[in-house]
């Protein structure tokens, strides 16, 4: 990956005569990674930048998060942009309202798994379950290192039967496990769908997609946008489908500010 601020001249050329479609993850991208999800608060500076971008006719803005739609909307609290919750299972924005069909069978399975995990994780300090309606996330960032193998074992035992039957999907992120519906839908497919909708409406200027994210779940988007736009990983450089990187959330804000000024 290349450090994007070393390619300022090229960036200016990329932005020239193009409409920008900006896709942003939330946790670890717009806000630093914190001990628990409820503490991830958007800074005033970043919120002002997002508001400016959302009102810019040359820029379309989408927040793509693993959080529930209700949660991410409340945390950002702005109009005129697209909110994507649960990695694309819920989408809402100007003239968009989408909710992926989830069977009652899956919902019952999710509830059973949640009951089992609640019982078995109750005595492990720091482990907790985030119920996002359509998905379940098991967080262990606050768990003592010596207890993490036990959390992993409990999780595997709770989901193994449903997983081998292909009744659920599992995603692993930064200190969490996530249970999702067994459907072929992810951040990458959401990005392509939203881009296709936007391209249909615009026939003159070229659309430049920019995706910024920090987690494993963002790799699907980095992959589909290869050679189609700017893909930016947030954090220390590592193996990724992203072409560029920014070091932290402060640099993300600086980059957003550069877009506002372009």
C-alpha atoms as a PDB file:
ATOM      1  CA  UNK A   1       0.000   0.000   0.000  1.00  0.00           C
ATOM      2  CA  UNK A   2       1.040   3.568  -0.663  1.00  0.00           C
ATOM      3  CA  UNK A   3       0.754   6.455   1.782  1.00  0.00           C
ATOM      4  CA  UNK A   4      -1.859   8.598   0.064  1.00  0.00           C
ATOM      5  CA  UNK A   5      -0.540  11.974   1.226  1.00  0.00           C
ATOM      6  CA  UNK A   6       2.632  11.307  -0.781  1.00  0.00           C
ATOM      7  CA  UNK A   7       0.535  11.416  -3.948  1.00  0.00           C
ATOM      8  CA  UNK A   8      -1.103  14.848  -3.647  1.00  0.00           C
ATOM      9  CA  UNK A   9      -0.554  15.810  -7.288  1.00  0.00           C
ATOM     10  CA  UNK A  10      -2.135  12.609  -8.515  1.00  0.00           C
ATOM     11  CA  UNK A  11      -5.076  13.115  -6.158  1.00  0.00           C
ATOM     12  CA  UNK A  12      -5.804  16.547  -7.613  1.00  0.00           C
ATOM     13  CA  UNK A  13      -5.875  15.010 -11.089  1.00  0.00           C
ATOM     14  CA  UNK A  14      -8.163  12.213  -9.864  1.00  0.00           C
ATOM     15  CA  UNK A  15     -10.672  14.719  -8.474  1.00  0.00           C
ATOM     16  CA  UNK A  16     -10.685  16.901 -11.602  1.00  0.00           C
ATOM     17  CA  UNK A  17     -14.024  16.992 -13.482  1.00  0.00           C
ATOM     18  CA  UNK A  18     -15.422  14.068 -11.545  1.00  0.00           C
ATOM     19  CA  UNK A  19     -18.308  13.495  -9.189  1.00  0.00           C
ATOM     20  CA  UNK A  20     -17.086  11.792  -6.036  1.00  0.00           C
ATOM     21  CA  UNK A  21     -18.987   8.939  -4.411  1.00  0.00           C
ATOM     22  CA  UNK A  22     -17.463   8.669  -0.952  1.00  0.00           C
ATOM     23  CA  UNK A  23     -17.980   5.492   1.090  1.00  0.00           C
ATOM     24  CA  UNK A  24     -16.919   5.625   4.740  1.00  0.00           C
ATOM     25  CA  UNK A  25     -16.805   3.002   7.457  1.00  0.00           C
ATOM     26  CA  UNK A  26     -17.564   4.316  10.968  1.00  0.00           C
ATOM     27  CA  UNK A  27     -15.682   2.528  13.767  1.00  0.00           C
ATOM     28  CA  UNK A  28     -11.924   2.799  13.294  1.00  0.00           C
ATOM     29  CA  UNK A  29     -12.383   5.150  10.330  1.00  0.00           C
ATOM     30  CA  UNK A  30     -14.461   8.137  11.426  1.00  0.00           C
ATOM     31  CA  UNK A  31     -13.972   7.376  15.110  1.00  0.00           C
ATOM     32  CA  UNK A  32     -11.053   5.649  16.858  1.00  0.00           C
ATOM     33  CA  UNK A  33     -11.441   2.059  18.023  1.00  0.00           C
ATOM     34  CA  UNK A  34     -12.670   2.182  21.634  1.00  0.00           C
ATOM     35  CA  UNK A  35     -13.286  -0.293  24.437  1.00  0.00           C
ATOM     36  CA  UNK A  36     -17.021  -0.664  23.779  1.00  0.00           C
ATOM     37  CA  UNK A  37     -19.244   0.350  20.813  1.00  0.00           C
ATOM     38  CA  UNK A  38     -21.282   2.887  22.812  1.00  0.00           C
ATOM     39  CA  UNK A  39     -18.161   5.021  23.375  1.00  0.00           C
ATOM     40  CA  UNK A  40     -17.466   5.615  19.671  1.00  0.00           C
ATOM     41  CA  UNK A  41     -18.546   9.255  19.393  1.00  0.00           C
ATOM     42  CA  UNK A  42     -18.139  11.299  16.225  1.00  0.00           C
ATOM     43  CA  UNK A  43     -16.022  14.433  16.800  1.00  0.00           C
ATOM     44  CA  UNK A  44     -17.485  17.869  16.015  1.00  0.00           C
ATOM     45  CA  UNK A  45     -14.730  18.470  13.459  1.00  0.00           C
ATOM     46  CA  UNK A  46     -15.504  15.286  11.546  1.00  0.00           C
ATOM     47  CA  UNK A  47     -19.249  15.866  11.719  1.00  0.00           C
ATOM     48  CA  UNK A  48     -18.821  19.347  10.216  1.00  0.00           C
ATOM     49  CA  UNK A  49     -16.765  17.863   7.366  1.00  0.00           C
ATOM     50  CA  UNK A  50     -19.383  15.184   6.707  1.00  0.00           C
ATOM     51  CA  UNK A  51     -22.121  17.806   6.658  1.00  0.00           C
ATOM     52  CA  UNK A  52     -20.197  19.906   4.141  1.00  0.00           C
ATOM     53  CA  UNK A  53     -19.618  16.892   1.925  1.00  0.00           C
ATOM     54  CA  UNK A  54     -23.253  15.782   2.127  1.00  0.00           C
ATOM     55  CA  UNK A  55     -24.356  19.192   0.817  1.00  0.00           C
ATOM     56  CA  UNK A  56     -21.768  19.333  -1.976  1.00  0.00           C
ATOM     57  CA  UNK A  57     -23.431  18.692  -5.336  1.00  0.00           C
ATOM     58  CA  UNK A  58     -20.227  17.148  -6.626  1.00  0.00           C
ATOM     59  CA  UNK A  59     -20.070  14.569  -3.854  1.00  0.00           C
ATOM     60  CA  UNK A  60     -22.325  11.700  -2.831  1.00  0.00           C
ATOM     61  CA  UNK A  61     -21.764  10.344   0.669  1.00  0.00           C
ATOM     62  CA  UNK A  62     -22.527   6.941   2.193  1.00  0.00           C
ATOM     63  CA  UNK A  63     -21.704   5.673   5.685  1.00  0.00           C
ATOM     64  CA  UNK A  64     -21.291   1.888   5.564  1.00  0.00           C
ATOM     65  CA  UNK A  65     -21.202   0.236   8.974  1.00  0.00           C
ATOM     66  CA  UNK A  66     -21.610  -3.071  10.725  1.00  0.00           C
ATOM     67  CA  UNK A  67     -23.791  -1.264  13.263  1.00  0.00           C
ATOM     68  CA  UNK A  68     -27.554  -1.396  13.014  1.00  0.00           C
ATOM     69  CA  UNK A  69     -29.166   1.221  10.780  1.00  0.00           C
ATOM     70  CA  UNK A  70     -30.863   2.901  13.750  1.00  0.00           C
ATOM     71  CA  UNK A  71     -27.594   3.102  15.673  1.00  0.00           C
ATOM     72  CA  UNK A  72     -25.484   4.539  12.863  1.00  0.00           C
ATOM     73  CA  UNK A  73     -28.141   7.111  11.938  1.00  0.00           C
ATOM     74  CA  UNK A  74     -28.323   8.325  15.524  1.00  0.00           C
ATOM     75  CA  UNK A  75     -24.538   8.557  15.856  1.00  0.00           C
ATOM     76  CA  UNK A  76     -23.971  10.534  12.664  1.00  0.00           C
ATOM     77  CA  UNK A  77     -27.224  12.483  12.826  1.00  0.00           C
ATOM     78  CA  UNK A  78     -27.080  14.124   9.384  1.00  0.00           C
ATOM     79  CA  UNK A  79     -29.498  14.295   6.483  1.00  0.00           C
ATOM     80  CA  UNK A  80     -28.781  14.156   2.752  1.00  0.00           C
ATOM     81  CA  UNK A  81     -26.551  11.087   2.918  1.00  0.00           C
ATOM     82  CA  UNK A  82     -26.936   7.339   2.609  1.00  0.00           C
ATOM     83  CA  UNK A  83     -26.789   5.124   5.700  1.00  0.00           C
ATOM     84  CA  UNK A  84     -25.895   1.467   5.303  1.00  0.00           C
ATOM     85  CA  UNK A  85     -26.334  -0.657   8.428  1.00  0.00           C
ATOM     86  CA  UNK A  86     -25.507  -4.288   9.235  1.00  0.00           C
ATOM     87  CA  UNK A  87     -22.973  -4.445   6.374  1.00  0.00           C
ATOM     88  CA  UNK A  88     -25.690  -3.734   3.808  1.00  0.00           C
ATOM     89  CA  UNK A  89     -28.695  -5.592   5.187  1.00  0.00           C
ATOM     90  CA  UNK A  90     -30.333  -2.212   5.863  1.00  0.00           C
ATOM     91  CA  UNK A  91     -30.012   0.873   3.652  1.00  0.00           C
ATOM     92  CA  UNK A  92     -31.701   4.252   3.932  1.00  0.00           C
ATOM     93  CA  UNK A  93     -31.141   7.610   2.277  1.00  0.00           C
ATOM     94  CA  UNK A  94     -32.622  10.095  -0.188  1.00  0.00           C
ATOM     95  CA  UNK A  95     -35.031   8.051  -2.324  1.00  0.00           C
ATOM     96  CA  UNK A  96     -33.587   4.792  -0.946  1.00  0.00           C
ATOM     97  CA  UNK A  97     -35.133   2.433   1.569  1.00  0.00           C
ATOM     98  CA  UNK A  98     -33.923  -1.156   1.548  1.00  0.00           C
ATOM     99  CA  UNK A  99     -34.081  -3.995   4.042  1.00  0.00           C
ATOM    100  CA  UNK A 100     -32.883  -7.448   3.054  1.00  0.00           C
ATOM    101  CA  UNK A 101     -35.429 -10.186   3.566  1.00  0.00           C
ATOM    102  CA  UNK A 102     -34.468 -12.316   6.540  1.00  0.00           C
ATOM    103  CA  UNK A 103     -36.430 -15.493   7.226  1.00  0.00           C
ATOM    104  CA  UNK A 104     -38.137 -16.229  10.515  1.00  0.00           C
ATOM    105  CA  UNK A 105     -36.125 -19.430  10.666  1.00  0.00           C
ATOM    106  CA  UNK A 106     -32.888 -17.450  10.757  1.00  0.00           C
ATOM    107  CA  UNK A 107     -34.267 -15.076  13.387  1.00  0.00           C
ATOM    108  CA  UNK A 108     -35.154 -18.022  15.633  1.00  0.00           C
ATOM    109  CA  UNK A 109     -31.684 -19.521  15.190  1.00  0.00           C
ATOM    110  CA  UNK A 110     -30.132 -16.179  16.110  1.00  0.00           C
ATOM    111  CA  UNK A 111     -32.246 -16.033  19.259  1.00  0.00           C
ATOM    112  CA  UNK A 112     -31.223 -19.564  20.276  1.00  0.00           C
ATOM    113  CA  UNK A 113     -27.544 -18.787  19.792  1.00  0.00           C
ATOM    114  CA  UNK A 114     -27.918 -15.587  21.771  1.00  0.00           C
ATOM    115  CA  UNK A 115     -29.512 -17.457  24.706  1.00  0.00           C
ATOM    116  CA  UNK A 116     -26.694 -20.024  24.752  1.00  0.00           C
ATOM    117  CA  UNK A 117     -23.974 -17.398  24.564  1.00  0.00           C
ATOM    118  CA  UNK A 118     -25.584 -15.247  27.236  1.00  0.00           C
ATOM    119  CA  UNK A 119     -25.523 -18.177  29.654  1.00  0.00           C
ATOM    120  CA  UNK A 120     -21.991 -19.339  28.903  1.00  0.00           C
ATOM    121  CA  UNK A 121     -20.318 -15.939  28.633  1.00  0.00           C
ATOM    122  CA  UNK A 122     -21.920 -14.449  31.736  1.00  0.00           C
ATOM    123  CA  UNK A 123     -18.986 -15.346  33.992  1.00  0.00           C
ATOM    124  CA  UNK A 124     -16.291 -14.088  31.610  1.00  0.00           C
ATOM    125  CA  UNK A 125     -15.495 -10.512  32.523  1.00  0.00           C
ATOM    126  CA  UNK A 126     -15.406  -8.151  29.538  1.00  0.00           C
ATOM    127  CA  UNK A 127     -17.262 -10.372  27.071  1.00  0.00           C
ATOM    128  CA  UNK A 128     -20.596  -9.066  25.842  1.00  0.00           C
ATOM    129  CA  UNK A 129     -23.086  -9.538  23.018  1.00  0.00           C
ATOM    130  CA  UNK A 130     -24.322  -6.736  20.781  1.00  0.00           C
ATOM    131  CA  UNK A 131     -27.729  -7.574  19.303  1.00  0.00           C
ATOM    132  CA  UNK A 132     -28.159  -5.612  16.075  1.00  0.00           C
ATOM    133  CA  UNK A 133     -31.463  -7.161  15.098  1.00  0.00           C
ATOM    134  CA  UNK A 134     -30.291  -8.903  11.930  1.00  0.00           C
ATOM    135  CA  UNK A 135     -26.843  -9.850  13.248  1.00  0.00           C
ATOM    136  CA  UNK A 136     -25.132 -10.667  16.538  1.00  0.00           C
ATOM    137  CA  UNK A 137     -21.664  -9.440  17.468  1.00  0.00           C
ATOM    138  CA  UNK A 138     -19.669 -10.988  20.309  1.00  0.00           C
ATOM    139  CA  UNK A 139     -17.080  -8.525  21.617  1.00  0.00           C
ATOM    140  CA  UNK A 140     -14.019  -9.623  23.598  1.00  0.00           C
ATOM    141  CA  UNK A 141     -11.746  -6.557  23.510  1.00  0.00           C
ATOM    142  CA  UNK A 142     -12.140  -6.131  27.291  1.00  0.00           C
ATOM    143  CA  UNK A 143     -11.562  -9.808  28.087  1.00  0.00           C
ATOM    144  CA  UNK A 144      -8.337 -10.849  29.838  1.00  0.00           C
ATOM    145  CA  UNK A 145      -5.939 -12.440  27.356  1.00  0.00           C
ATOM    146  CA  UNK A 146      -5.955 -15.667  29.326  1.00  0.00           C
ATOM    147  CA  UNK A 147      -9.748 -15.952  28.871  1.00  0.00           C
ATOM    148  CA  UNK A 148      -9.867 -15.281  25.124  1.00  0.00           C
ATOM    149  CA  UNK A 149      -9.356 -18.976  24.150  1.00  0.00           C
ATOM    150  CA  UNK A 150     -12.347 -19.854  26.347  1.00  0.00           C
ATOM    151  CA  UNK A 151     -14.496 -17.211  24.612  1.00  0.00           C
ATOM    152  CA  UNK A 152     -13.454 -18.634  21.237  1.00  0.00           C
ATOM    153  CA  UNK A 153     -14.330 -22.171  22.344  1.00  0.00           C
ATOM    154  CA  UNK A 154     -17.740 -21.137  23.685  1.00  0.00           C
ATOM    155  CA  UNK A 155     -18.477 -19.279  20.469  1.00  0.00           C
ATOM    156  CA  UNK A 156     -17.475 -22.182  18.218  1.00  0.00           C
ATOM    157  CA  UNK A 157     -19.544 -24.654  20.219  1.00  0.00           C
ATOM    158  CA  UNK A 158     -22.604 -22.389  20.077  1.00  0.00           C
ATOM    159  CA  UNK A 159     -22.540 -21.894  16.305  1.00  0.00           C
ATOM    160  CA  UNK A 160     -20.934 -25.050  14.875  1.00  0.00           C
ATOM    161  CA  UNK A 161     -24.153 -26.964  14.112  1.00  0.00           C
ATOM    162  CA  UNK A 162     -25.821 -24.017  12.373  1.00  0.00           C
ATOM    163  CA  UNK A 163     -22.662 -23.202  10.462  1.00  0.00           C
ATOM    164  CA  UNK A 164     -22.155 -26.671   8.988  1.00  0.00           C
ATOM    165  CA  UNK A 165     -25.812 -26.616   7.923  1.00  0.00           C
ATOM    166  CA  UNK A 166     -25.164 -23.270   6.188  1.00  0.00           C
ATOM    167  CA  UNK A 167     -27.861 -21.595   8.274  1.00  0.00           C
ATOM    168  CA  UNK A 168     -25.578 -18.739   9.339  1.00  0.00           C
ATOM    169  CA  UNK A 169     -22.388 -17.005   8.220  1.00  0.00           C
ATOM    170  CA  UNK A 170     -19.512 -15.944  10.459  1.00  0.00           C
ATOM    171  CA  UNK A 171     -17.249 -12.921  10.046  1.00  0.00           C
ATOM    172  CA  UNK A 172     -14.220 -12.134  12.190  1.00  0.00           C
ATOM    173  CA  UNK A 173     -13.164  -8.550  12.921  1.00  0.00           C
ATOM    174  CA  UNK A 174     -11.057  -6.567  15.360  1.00  0.00           C
ATOM    175  CA  UNK A 175     -11.648  -8.381  18.645  1.00  0.00           C
ATOM    176  CA  UNK A 176     -15.134  -9.581  17.738  1.00  0.00           C
ATOM    177  CA  UNK A 177     -17.047 -12.409  16.091  1.00  0.00           C
ATOM    178  CA  UNK A 178     -20.162 -11.703  14.070  1.00  0.00           C
ATOM    179  CA  UNK A 179     -23.072 -13.951  13.128  1.00  0.00           C
ATOM    180  CA  UNK A 180     -24.821 -12.990   9.894  1.00  0.00           C
ATOM    181  CA  UNK A 181     -27.527 -14.404   7.600  1.00  0.00           C
ATOM    182  CA  UNK A 182     -26.393 -17.066   5.085  1.00  0.00           C
ATOM    183  CA  UNK A 183     -26.781 -14.802   2.056  1.00  0.00           C
ATOM    184  CA  UNK A 184     -24.307 -13.619  -0.571  1.00  0.00           C
ATOM    185  CA  UNK A 185     -24.341  -9.926   0.363  1.00  0.00           C
ATOM    186  CA  UNK A 186     -21.519  -7.792   1.732  1.00  0.00           C
ATOM    187  CA  UNK A 187     -20.050  -4.276   1.670  1.00  0.00           C
ATOM    188  CA  UNK A 188     -18.547  -4.860  -1.767  1.00  0.00           C
ATOM    189  CA  UNK A 189     -21.864  -5.764  -3.351  1.00  0.00           C
ATOM    190  CA  UNK A 190     -23.551  -2.830  -1.620  1.00  0.00           C
ATOM    191  CA  UNK A 191     -20.965  -0.438  -3.063  1.00  0.00           C
ATOM    192  CA  UNK A 192     -21.442  -1.778  -6.599  1.00  0.00           C
ATOM    193  CA  UNK A 193     -25.234  -1.554  -6.255  1.00  0.00           C
ATOM    194  CA  UNK A 194     -25.124   2.047  -5.030  1.00  0.00           C
ATOM    195  CA  UNK A 195     -22.638   3.003  -7.756  1.00  0.00           C
ATOM    196  CA  UNK A 196     -24.870   1.483 -10.445  1.00  0.00           C
ATOM    197  CA  UNK A 197     -27.844   3.505  -9.177  1.00  0.00           C
ATOM    198  CA  UNK A 198     -25.809   6.696  -9.213  1.00  0.00           C
ATOM    199  CA  UNK A 199     -24.286   6.042 -12.632  1.00  0.00           C
ATOM    200  CA  UNK A 200     -27.774   5.578 -14.071  1.00  0.00           C
ATOM    201  CA  UNK A 201     -28.695   9.101 -12.930  1.00  0.00           C
ATOM    202  CA  UNK A 202     -25.491  10.771 -14.160  1.00  0.00           C
ATOM    203  CA  UNK A 203     -24.601  10.598 -17.850  1.00  0.00           C
ATOM    204  CA  UNK A 204     -22.088  13.428 -18.241  1.00  0.00           C
ATOM    205  CA  UNK A 205     -19.376  13.488 -15.567  1.00  0.00           C
ATOM    206  CA  UNK A 206     -17.435  10.425 -14.491  1.00  0.00           C
ATOM    207  CA  UNK A 207     -18.007   9.081 -10.985  1.00  0.00           C
ATOM    208  CA  UNK A 208     -14.938   8.534  -8.823  1.00  0.00           C
ATOM    209  CA  UNK A 209     -15.660   6.061  -5.991  1.00  0.00           C
ATOM    210  CA  UNK A 210     -13.565   6.482  -2.845  1.00  0.00           C
ATOM    211  CA  UNK A 211     -13.793   3.879  -0.083  1.00  0.00           C
ATOM    212  CA  UNK A 212     -12.155   4.328   3.323  1.00  0.00           C
ATOM    213  CA  UNK A 213     -12.224   1.574   5.951  1.00  0.00           C
ATOM    214  CA  UNK A 214     -10.136  -0.210   8.536  1.00  0.00           C
ATOM    215  CA  UNK A 215     -11.511  -3.703   9.074  1.00  0.00           C
ATOM    216  CA  UNK A 216     -11.709  -7.134   7.484  1.00  0.00           C
ATOM    217  CA  UNK A 217     -15.297  -6.447   6.431  1.00  0.00           C
ATOM    218  CA  UNK A 218     -14.087  -3.534   4.288  1.00  0.00           C
ATOM    219  CA  UNK A 219     -11.867  -5.804   2.208  1.00  0.00           C
ATOM    220  CA  UNK A 220     -14.875  -6.879   0.111  1.00  0.00           C
ATOM    221  CA  UNK A 221     -15.299  -3.260  -0.973  1.00  0.00           C
ATOM    222  CA  UNK A 222     -11.574  -2.725  -1.543  1.00  0.00           C
ATOM    223  CA  UNK A 223     -11.546  -5.781  -3.774  1.00  0.00           C
ATOM    224  CA  UNK A 224     -14.459  -4.814  -6.049  1.00  0.00           C
ATOM    225  CA  UNK A 225     -13.185  -1.238  -6.438  1.00  0.00           C
ATOM    226  CA  UNK A 226      -9.707  -2.278  -7.542  1.00  0.00           C
ATOM    227  CA  UNK A 227      -8.784  -0.179 -10.608  1.00  0.00           C
ATOM    228  CA  UNK A 228     -12.151   1.610 -10.369  1.00  0.00           C
ATOM    229  CA  UNK A 229     -11.442   4.249  -7.748  1.00  0.00           C
ATOM    230  CA  UNK A 230      -9.488   5.096  -4.609  1.00  0.00           C
ATOM    231  CA  UNK A 231      -9.349   2.475  -1.872  1.00  0.00           C
ATOM    232  CA  UNK A 232      -7.871   3.564   1.439  1.00  0.00           C
ATOM    233  CA  UNK A 233      -7.065   1.453   4.480  1.00  0.00           C
ATOM    234  CA  UNK A 234      -6.902   3.140   7.893  1.00  0.00           C
ATOM    235  CA  UNK A 235      -4.094   1.942  10.164  1.00  0.00           C
ATOM    236  CA  UNK A 236      -0.574   0.625   9.922  1.00  0.00           C
ATOM    237  CA  UNK A 237       0.207  -0.725   6.419  1.00  0.00           C
ATOM    238  CA  UNK A 238      -0.545  -4.412   6.040  1.00  0.00           C
ATOM    239  CA  UNK A 239      -1.677  -6.908   3.430  1.00  0.00           C
ATOM    240  CA  UNK A 240      -4.890  -5.551   1.983  1.00  0.00           C
ATOM    241  CA  UNK A 241      -6.790  -5.084  -1.275  1.00  0.00           C
ATOM    242  CA  UNK A 242      -6.632  -1.334  -0.622  1.00  0.00           C
ATOM    243  CA  UNK A 243      -4.174   0.618  -2.765  1.00  0.00           C
ATOM    244  CA  UNK A 244      -3.505   3.420  -0.280  1.00  0.00           C
ATOM    245  CA  UNK A 245      -3.461   3.931   3.453  1.00  0.00           C
ATOM    246  CA  UNK A 246      -3.948   6.623   6.099  1.00  0.00           C
ATOM    247  CA  UNK A 247      -2.390   6.166   9.518  1.00  0.00           C
ATOM    248  CA  UNK A 248      -5.363   7.002  11.774  1.00  0.00           C
ATOM    249  CA  UNK A 249      -8.738   8.710  12.102  1.00  0.00           C
ATOM    250  CA  UNK A 250      -7.120  12.149  12.370  1.00  0.00           C
ATOM    251  CA  UNK A 251      -5.618  11.654   8.934  1.00  0.00           C
ATOM    252  CA  UNK A 252      -9.021  10.551   7.658  1.00  0.00           C
ATOM    253  CA  UNK A 253     -10.378  13.944   8.770  1.00  0.00           C
ATOM    254  CA  UNK A 254      -7.492  15.680   6.998  1.00  0.00           C
ATOM    255  CA  UNK A 255      -8.251  13.732   3.838  1.00  0.00           C
ATOM    256  CA  UNK A 256     -11.960  14.626   4.018  1.00  0.00           C
ATOM    257  CA  UNK A 257     -10.979  18.252   4.390  1.00  0.00           C
ATOM    258  CA  UNK A 258      -8.885  18.016   1.215  1.00  0.00           C
ATOM    259  CA  UNK A 259     -11.921  16.653  -0.640  1.00  0.00           C
ATOM    260  CA  UNK A 260     -13.976  19.615   0.623  1.00  0.00           C
ATOM    261  CA  UNK A 261     -11.326  21.977  -0.757  1.00  0.00           C
ATOM    262  CA  UNK A 262     -10.923  20.261  -4.138  1.00  0.00           C
END
